[in-house]
Amino acid sequence: MTEKLKVSREVADVLDSLNRKDLSTDTWIRMHSEGEWVSVKNKPLNTLSLEEFATALIVGYEVEMTPHEVIASEYVTRQQDWINNMHLHSKGFVEGIEFTLNTLGITVEGVKQNGESFRI
């Protein structure tokens, strides 16, 4: 069985907006094969090969998280693990993320930084 295609949030938004009730999957695939999408709204679809586009329509797709989203998600998960279960490795993980981002001067939405460190 083929797996769902991982796509960027931008591509997923366009795929979500396709009118699949009035046009068949076959029609959408044929349109994709005929050349580049020119409308600003549909241009992100140009990043997909014909096979990828067909997979997205037939099998499905899921949004691939950006590295920042992965860090924020793991941060929140580990923070909750520390609050709920007092696992020291989770506290160390959270503090490690904070230290690394602060040291590198990188901001990740959802991660406390610059003196706002997570404390119990």
C-alpha atoms as a PDB file:
ATOM      1  CA  MET A   1       0.000   0.000   0.000  1.00  0.00           C
ATOM      2  CA  THR A   2       1.284   3.461  -0.844  1.00  0.00           C
ATOM      3  CA  GLU A   3       1.768   5.893   2.020  1.00  0.00           C
ATOM      4  CA  LYS A   4       0.267   9.354   2.242  1.00  0.00           C
ATOM      5  CA  LEU A   5       2.400  12.039   0.656  1.00  0.00           C
ATOM      6  CA  LYS A   6       4.090  14.505   2.995  1.00  0.00           C
ATOM      7  CA  VAL A   7       3.645  18.055   1.740  1.00  0.00           C
ATOM      8  CA  SER A   8       4.347  21.561   2.964  1.00  0.00           C
ATOM      9  CA  ARG A   9       1.576  23.481   4.694  1.00  0.00           C
ATOM     10  CA  GLU A  10       1.389  25.756   1.627  1.00  0.00           C
ATOM     11  CA  VAL A  11       0.787  22.811  -0.749  1.00  0.00           C
ATOM     12  CA  ALA A  12      -1.715  21.232   1.660  1.00  0.00           C
ATOM     13  CA  ASP A  13      -3.726  24.462   1.745  1.00  0.00           C
ATOM     14  CA  VAL A  14      -4.005  24.438  -2.059  1.00  0.00           C
ATOM     15  CA  LEU A  15      -4.889  20.732  -2.159  1.00  0.00           C
ATOM     16  CA  ASP A  16      -7.563  21.349   0.483  1.00  0.00           C
ATOM     17  CA  SER A  17      -9.065  24.091  -1.672  1.00  0.00           C
ATOM     18  CA  LEU A  18      -9.439  22.008  -4.849  1.00  0.00           C
ATOM     19  CA  ASN A  19     -13.063  21.574  -5.849  1.00  0.00           C
ATOM     20  CA  ARG A  20     -13.252  17.787  -5.770  1.00  0.00           C
ATOM     21  CA  LYS A  21     -17.056  17.685  -5.988  1.00  0.00           C
ATOM     22  CA  ASP A  22     -17.402  19.254  -9.432  1.00  0.00           C
ATOM     23  CA  LEU A  23     -14.193  17.895 -10.992  1.00  0.00           C
ATOM     24  CA  SER A  24     -13.089  14.269 -10.839  1.00  0.00           C
ATOM     25  CA  THR A  25      -9.698  13.119  -9.608  1.00  0.00           C
ATOM     26  CA  ASP A  26      -8.922  12.088 -13.186  1.00  0.00           C
ATOM     27  CA  THR A  27      -9.654  15.621 -14.410  1.00  0.00           C
ATOM     28  CA  TRP A  28      -7.419  17.198 -11.747  1.00  0.00           C
ATOM     29  CA  ILE A  29      -4.578  14.807 -12.610  1.00  0.00           C
ATOM     30  CA  ARG A  30      -4.990  15.542 -16.324  1.00  0.00           C
ATOM     31  CA  MET A  31      -4.908  19.293 -15.597  1.00  0.00           C
ATOM     32  CA  HIS A  32      -1.727  18.885 -13.546  1.00  0.00           C
ATOM     33  CA  SER A  33      -0.085  16.936 -16.372  1.00  0.00           C
ATOM     34  CA  GLU A  34      -0.822  19.599 -18.995  1.00  0.00           C
ATOM     35  CA  GLY A  35       1.662  22.165 -17.694  1.00  0.00           C
ATOM     36  CA  GLU A  36       2.367  24.539 -14.886  1.00  0.00           C
ATOM     37  CA  TRP A  37      -0.272  26.068 -12.674  1.00  0.00           C
ATOM     38  CA  VAL A  38      -0.265  29.803 -13.363  1.00  0.00           C
ATOM     39  CA  SER A  39      -2.701  31.222 -10.833  1.00  0.00           C
ATOM     40  CA  VAL A  40      -0.997  32.553  -7.722  1.00  0.00           C
ATOM     41  CA  LYS A  41      -3.349  30.455  -5.586  1.00  0.00           C
ATOM     42  CA  ASN A  42      -2.372  27.158  -7.265  1.00  0.00           C
ATOM     43  CA  LYS A  43       1.339  27.837  -7.960  1.00  0.00           C
ATOM     44  CA  PRO A  44       2.501  25.741  -4.956  1.00  0.00           C
ATOM     45  CA  LEU A  45       1.209  22.665  -6.834  1.00  0.00           C
ATOM     46  CA  ASN A  46       4.055  23.150  -9.334  1.00  0.00           C
ATOM     47  CA  THR A  47       6.402  21.687  -6.706  1.00  0.00           C
ATOM     48  CA  LEU A  48       4.685  18.294  -7.069  1.00  0.00           C
ATOM     49  CA  SER A  49       5.528  15.788  -9.773  1.00  0.00           C
ATOM     50  CA  LEU A  50       2.625  14.128 -11.561  1.00  0.00           C
ATOM     51  CA  GLU A  51       3.113  11.001  -9.455  1.00  0.00           C
ATOM     52  CA  GLU A  52       3.174  13.019  -6.229  1.00  0.00           C
ATOM     53  CA  PHE A  53       0.065  14.967  -7.232  1.00  0.00           C
ATOM     54  CA  ALA A  54      -1.799  11.744  -8.066  1.00  0.00           C
ATOM     55  CA  THR A  55      -0.688  10.163  -4.778  1.00  0.00           C
ATOM     56  CA  ALA A  56      -1.916  13.197  -2.845  1.00  0.00           C
ATOM     57  CA  LEU A  57      -5.341  13.017  -4.501  1.00  0.00           C
ATOM     58  CA  ILE A  58      -5.777   9.239  -4.456  1.00  0.00           C
ATOM     59  CA  VAL A  59      -3.994   8.060  -1.303  1.00  0.00           C
ATOM     60  CA  GLY A  60      -3.987  11.298   0.638  1.00  0.00           C
ATOM     61  CA  TYR A  61      -1.452  13.672   2.129  1.00  0.00           C
ATOM     62  CA  GLU A  62      -0.321  15.025   5.442  1.00  0.00           C
ATOM     63  CA  VAL A  63       1.415  18.236   6.357  1.00  0.00           C
ATOM     64  CA  GLU A  64       5.118  17.868   6.980  1.00  0.00           C
ATOM     65  CA  MET A  65       6.128  19.850  10.043  1.00  0.00           C
ATOM     66  CA  THR A  66       8.904  22.376   9.711  1.00  0.00           C
ATOM     67  CA  PRO A  67      11.970  21.910  11.956  1.00  0.00           C
ATOM     68  CA  HIS A  68      10.698  24.772  14.147  1.00  0.00           C
ATOM     69  CA  GLU A  69       7.331  23.039  14.529  1.00  0.00           C
ATOM     70  CA  VAL A  70       9.040  19.750  15.447  1.00  0.00           C
ATOM     71  CA  ILE A  71      11.086  21.505  18.157  1.00  0.00           C
ATOM     72  CA  ALA A  72       8.040  23.335  19.559  1.00  0.00           C
ATOM     73  CA  SER A  73       5.952  20.147  19.586  1.00  0.00           C
ATOM     74  CA  GLU A  74       8.632  18.118  21.347  1.00  0.00           C
ATOM     75  CA  TYR A  75       9.239  20.984  23.785  1.00  0.00           C
ATOM     76  CA  VAL A  76       5.562  21.102  24.805  1.00  0.00           C
ATOM     77  CA  THR A  77       5.371  17.293  25.081  1.00  0.00           C
ATOM     78  CA  ARG A  78       8.447  17.095  27.315  1.00  0.00           C
ATOM     79  CA  GLN A  79       7.333  20.098  29.375  1.00  0.00           C
ATOM     80  CA  GLN A  80       3.989  18.407  30.078  1.00  0.00           C
ATOM     81  CA  ASP A  81       5.786  15.146  30.923  1.00  0.00           C
ATOM     82  CA  TRP A  82       7.876  16.996  33.525  1.00  0.00           C
ATOM     83  CA  ILE A  83       4.832  18.764  35.006  1.00  0.00           C
ATOM     84  CA  ASN A  84       2.711  15.592  35.149  1.00  0.00           C
ATOM     85  CA  ASN A  85       5.291  12.896  35.928  1.00  0.00           C
ATOM     86  CA  MET A  86       8.384  14.742  37.206  1.00  0.00           C
ATOM     87  CA  HIS A  87      10.658  12.832  34.819  1.00  0.00           C
ATOM     88  CA  LEU A  88      14.070  14.464  35.179  1.00  0.00           C
ATOM     89  CA  HIS A  89      15.081  13.570  31.628  1.00  0.00           C
ATOM     90  CA  SER A  90      12.122  15.629  30.354  1.00  0.00           C
ATOM     91  CA  LYS A  91      13.162  18.624  32.481  1.00  0.00           C
ATOM     92  CA  GLY A  92      16.699  18.315  31.121  1.00  0.00           C
ATOM     93  CA  PHE A  93      15.351  18.039  27.567  1.00  0.00           C
ATOM     94  CA  VAL A  94      13.274  21.216  27.999  1.00  0.00           C
ATOM     95  CA  GLU A  95      16.195  23.118  29.518  1.00  0.00           C
ATOM     96  CA  GLY A  96      18.487  21.836  26.765  1.00  0.00           C
ATOM     97  CA  ILE A  97      16.178  23.192  24.069  1.00  0.00           C
ATOM     98  CA  GLU A  98      15.965  26.552  25.853  1.00  0.00           C
ATOM     99  CA  PHE A  99      19.742  26.742  26.327  1.00  0.00           C
ATOM    100  CA  THR A 100      20.493  25.828  22.721  1.00  0.00           C
ATOM    101  CA  LEU A 101      18.010  28.281  21.213  1.00  0.00           C
ATOM    102  CA  ASN A 102      19.126  31.090  23.547  1.00  0.00           C
ATOM    103  CA  THR A 103      22.794  30.426  22.798  1.00  0.00           C
ATOM    104  CA  LEU A 104      22.201  30.403  19.045  1.00  0.00           C
ATOM    105  CA  GLY A 105      19.859  33.384  19.203  1.00  0.00           C
ATOM    106  CA  ILE A 106      17.083  31.442  17.495  1.00  0.00           C
ATOM    107  CA  THR A 107      13.413  32.022  18.269  1.00  0.00           C
ATOM    108  CA  VAL A 108      10.890  29.210  17.990  1.00  0.00           C
ATOM    109  CA  GLU A 109       7.246  30.042  18.546  1.00  0.00           C
ATOM    110  CA  GLY A 110       5.965  28.088  21.559  1.00  0.00           C
ATOM    111  CA  VAL A 111       9.350  27.793  23.290  1.00  0.00           C
ATOM    112  CA  LYS A 112      10.086  30.105  26.207  1.00  0.00           C
ATOM    113  CA  GLN A 113      13.419  31.862  25.942  1.00  0.00           C
ATOM    114  CA  ASN A 114      15.654  34.645  27.276  1.00  0.00           C
ATOM    115  CA  GLY A 115      15.069  34.357  30.989  1.00  0.00           C
ATOM    116  CA  GLU A 116      11.514  33.072  30.666  1.00  0.00           C
ATOM    117  CA  SER A 117      12.732  29.544  31.318  1.00  0.00           C
ATOM    118  CA  PHE A 118      10.347  26.847  32.345  1.00  0.00           C
ATOM    119  CA  ARG A 119      10.323  26.464  36.122  1.00  0.00           C
ATOM    120  CA  ILE A 120       8.373  24.419  38.639  1.00  0.00           C
END
